[in-house]
Amino acid sequence: MTNKNLFKLTFLNHGKVYELYSRSVSSSNLWGFLEVRELVFEEGDGLVIDPTEEKLRDEFDLTQVLHLPIQSVLKVEEVKKRGQAVIRDRKSGEKVTPFPISPDSRKKS
């Protein structure tokens, strides 16, 4: 039986806001934690690869169960379809690019 539920998790991690998708979310046996299983990432061999999603896939690739402290969880939503997994800046809410940007490209005179 395949689990059709899809959840969008928004949580804080190292000062950034992470948005991931999962098939299973429940209370953990560890007191004060949320248990997240079956992380869902974009599948396909398309030519365009989102570097943020690729970074998240690499970071959580070997994760079987993710135990998130309740205090770090901002929101859990049950959604109909999967969106883009992203990392956002906590203050501005802007998407964080996973690779460094040269200081010269930020300064526009």
C-alpha atoms as a PDB file:
ATOM      1  CA  MET A   1       0.000   0.000   0.000  1.00  0.00           C
ATOM      2  CA  THR A   2       1.431   3.366  -0.956  1.00  0.00           C
ATOM      3  CA  ASN A   3       0.933   6.320   1.319  1.00  0.00           C
ATOM      4  CA  LYS A   4      -0.699   9.145  -0.645  1.00  0.00           C
ATOM      5  CA  ASN A   5      -0.413  11.790   2.111  1.00  0.00           C
ATOM      6  CA  LEU A   6       2.048  14.571   1.398  1.00  0.00           C
ATOM      7  CA  PHE A   7       3.224  17.045   4.002  1.00  0.00           C
ATOM      8  CA  LYS A   8       5.157  20.293   3.658  1.00  0.00           C
ATOM      9  CA  LEU A   9       7.372  20.915   6.700  1.00  0.00           C
ATOM     10  CA  THR A  10       8.731  24.352   7.490  1.00  0.00           C
ATOM     11  CA  PHE A  11      11.353  24.386  10.233  1.00  0.00           C
ATOM     12  CA  LEU A  12      14.424  26.244  11.493  1.00  0.00           C
ATOM     13  CA  ASN A  13      17.858  24.681  11.003  1.00  0.00           C
ATOM     14  CA  HIS A  14      21.153  26.508  11.699  1.00  0.00           C
ATOM     15  CA  GLY A  15      19.516  29.935  11.438  1.00  0.00           C
ATOM     16  CA  LYS A  16      17.828  29.173   8.101  1.00  0.00           C
ATOM     17  CA  VAL A  17      14.239  28.203   7.279  1.00  0.00           C
ATOM     18  CA  TYR A  18      14.010  24.824   5.558  1.00  0.00           C
ATOM     19  CA  GLU A  19      10.989  23.687   3.552  1.00  0.00           C
ATOM     20  CA  LEU A  20      10.879  19.935   2.878  1.00  0.00           C
ATOM     21  CA  TYR A  21       8.240  17.457   1.751  1.00  0.00           C
ATOM     22  CA  SER A  22       7.488  14.137   3.414  1.00  0.00           C
ATOM     23  CA  ARG A  23       5.018  11.258   3.244  1.00  0.00           C
ATOM     24  CA  SER A  24       4.862  10.683   7.003  1.00  0.00           C
ATOM     25  CA  VAL A  25       4.800  13.046  10.005  1.00  0.00           C
ATOM     26  CA  SER A  26       3.971  11.949  13.549  1.00  0.00           C
ATOM     27  CA  SER A  27       4.826  12.430  17.200  1.00  0.00           C
ATOM     28  CA  SER A  28       8.204  10.929  17.980  1.00  0.00           C
ATOM     29  CA  ASN A  29       8.930   8.430  20.730  1.00  0.00           C
ATOM     30  CA  LEU A  30      11.535  10.995  21.773  1.00  0.00           C
ATOM     31  CA  TRP A  31       9.772  13.486  24.026  1.00  0.00           C
ATOM     32  CA  GLY A  32       9.524  16.973  22.432  1.00  0.00           C
ATOM     33  CA  PHE A  33      10.328  15.847  18.886  1.00  0.00           C
ATOM     34  CA  LEU A  34       8.377  15.385  15.664  1.00  0.00           C
ATOM     35  CA  GLU A  35       9.157  12.286  13.590  1.00  0.00           C
ATOM     36  CA  VAL A  36       9.450  12.759   9.820  1.00  0.00           C
ATOM     37  CA  ARG A  37       9.789   9.803   7.443  1.00  0.00           C
ATOM     38  CA  GLU A  38       9.946   9.294   3.681  1.00  0.00           C
ATOM     39  CA  LEU A  39      11.346  12.636   2.544  1.00  0.00           C
ATOM     40  CA  VAL A  40      10.254  13.464  -1.004  1.00  0.00           C
ATOM     41  CA  PHE A  41      12.566  15.174  -3.482  1.00  0.00           C
ATOM     42  CA  GLU A  42      12.151  16.022  -7.146  1.00  0.00           C
ATOM     43  CA  GLU A  43      12.670  13.043  -9.399  1.00  0.00           C
ATOM     44  CA  GLY A  44      13.724  13.093 -12.992  1.00  0.00           C
ATOM     45  CA  ASP A  45      16.682  13.533 -15.226  1.00  0.00           C
ATOM     46  CA  GLY A  46      15.897  17.029 -16.443  1.00  0.00           C
ATOM     47  CA  LEU A  47      18.627  19.313 -17.696  1.00  0.00           C
ATOM     48  CA  VAL A  48      17.752  22.064 -15.234  1.00  0.00           C
ATOM     49  CA  ILE A  49      18.742  21.141 -11.676  1.00  0.00           C
ATOM     50  CA  ASP A  50      17.812  23.387  -8.794  1.00  0.00           C
ATOM     51  CA  PRO A  51      21.026  23.707  -6.746  1.00  0.00           C
ATOM     52  CA  THR A  52      19.106  24.290  -3.505  1.00  0.00           C
ATOM     53  CA  GLU A  53      17.079  21.126  -3.927  1.00  0.00           C
ATOM     54  CA  GLU A  54      20.251  19.236  -4.845  1.00  0.00           C
ATOM     55  CA  LYS A  55      21.918  20.499  -1.643  1.00  0.00           C
ATOM     56  CA  LEU A  56      18.930  19.373   0.439  1.00  0.00           C
ATOM     57  CA  ARG A  57      18.896  15.979  -1.259  1.00  0.00           C
ATOM     58  CA  ASP A  58      22.620  15.563  -0.506  1.00  0.00           C
ATOM     59  CA  GLU A  59      22.163  16.690   3.120  1.00  0.00           C
ATOM     60  CA  PHE A  60      19.255  14.320   3.826  1.00  0.00           C
ATOM     61  CA  ASP A  61      20.062  11.525   1.350  1.00  0.00           C
ATOM     62  CA  LEU A  62      20.852   8.855   3.950  1.00  0.00           C
ATOM     63  CA  THR A  63      18.201  10.006   6.452  1.00  0.00           C
ATOM     64  CA  GLN A  64      15.667   7.313   7.307  1.00  0.00           C
ATOM     65  CA  VAL A  65      13.918   9.191  10.112  1.00  0.00           C
ATOM     66  CA  LEU A  66      14.282  12.893  10.862  1.00  0.00           C
ATOM     67  CA  HIS A  67      13.533  13.879  14.467  1.00  0.00           C
ATOM     68  CA  LEU A  68      12.823  17.618  14.622  1.00  0.00           C
ATOM     69  CA  PRO A  69      12.614  19.456  17.949  1.00  0.00           C
ATOM     70  CA  ILE A  70       9.083  20.807  18.353  1.00  0.00           C
ATOM     71  CA  GLN A  71      10.507  24.304  19.002  1.00  0.00           C
ATOM     72  CA  SER A  72      12.132  24.374  15.543  1.00  0.00           C
ATOM     73  CA  VAL A  73       8.953  23.443  13.627  1.00  0.00           C
ATOM     74  CA  LEU A  74       7.181  26.502  12.238  1.00  0.00           C
ATOM     75  CA  LYS A  75       4.442  24.782  10.253  1.00  0.00           C
ATOM     76  CA  VAL A  76       3.254  21.385   8.992  1.00  0.00           C
ATOM     77  CA  GLU A  77       0.821  21.435   6.075  1.00  0.00           C
ATOM     78  CA  GLU A  78      -0.874  18.569   4.287  1.00  0.00           C
ATOM     79  CA  VAL A  79      -0.703  19.475   0.601  1.00  0.00           C
ATOM     80  CA  LYS A  80      -2.110  18.077  -2.634  1.00  0.00           C
ATOM     81  CA  LYS A  81       1.065  18.350  -4.670  1.00  0.00           C
ATOM     82  CA  ARG A  82       4.741  18.829  -4.071  1.00  0.00           C
ATOM     83  CA  GLY A  83       6.375  22.196  -4.508  1.00  0.00           C
ATOM     84  CA  GLN A  84      10.018  23.136  -4.506  1.00  0.00           C
ATOM     85  CA  ALA A  85      12.137  22.212  -1.478  1.00  0.00           C
ATOM     86  CA  VAL A  86      13.997  25.369  -0.431  1.00  0.00           C
ATOM     87  CA  ILE A  87      16.218  26.984   2.154  1.00  0.00           C
ATOM     88  CA  ARG A  88      15.290  30.566   3.057  1.00  0.00           C
ATOM     89  CA  ASP A  89      16.968  33.321   5.015  1.00  0.00           C
ATOM     90  CA  ARG A  90      15.290  33.570   8.414  1.00  0.00           C
ATOM     91  CA  LYS A  91      14.976  37.373   8.408  1.00  0.00           C
ATOM     92  CA  SER A  92      14.353  38.310   4.781  1.00  0.00           C
ATOM     93  CA  GLY A  93      12.550  35.137   3.672  1.00  0.00           C
ATOM     94  CA  GLU A  94      14.551  35.138   0.448  1.00  0.00           C
ATOM     95  CA  LYS A  95      15.710  31.856  -1.043  1.00  0.00           C
ATOM     96  CA  VAL A  96      19.299  31.063  -0.058  1.00  0.00           C
ATOM     97  CA  THR A  97      21.628  30.086  -2.849  1.00  0.00           C
ATOM     98  CA  PRO A  98      23.759  27.078  -1.863  1.00  0.00           C
ATOM     99  CA  PHE A  99      26.881  28.249  -3.625  1.00  0.00           C
ATOM    100  CA  PRO A 100      28.906  31.349  -2.767  1.00  0.00           C
ATOM    101  CA  ILE A 101      28.336  34.571  -4.637  1.00  0.00           C
ATOM    102  CA  SER A 102      31.351  36.752  -5.246  1.00  0.00           C
ATOM    103  CA  PRO A 103      31.275  40.004  -3.246  1.00  0.00           C
ATOM    104  CA  ASP A 104      31.699  41.989  -6.477  1.00  0.00           C
ATOM    105  CA  SER A 105      28.405  40.695  -7.908  1.00  0.00           C
ATOM    106  CA  ARG A 106      26.441  42.031  -4.906  1.00  0.00           C
ATOM    107  CA  LYS A 107      27.773  45.584  -5.121  1.00  0.00           C
ATOM    108  CA  LYS A 108      26.025  47.609  -7.795  1.00  0.00           C
ATOM    109  CA  SER A 109      27.083  51.235  -7.957  1.00  0.00           C
END
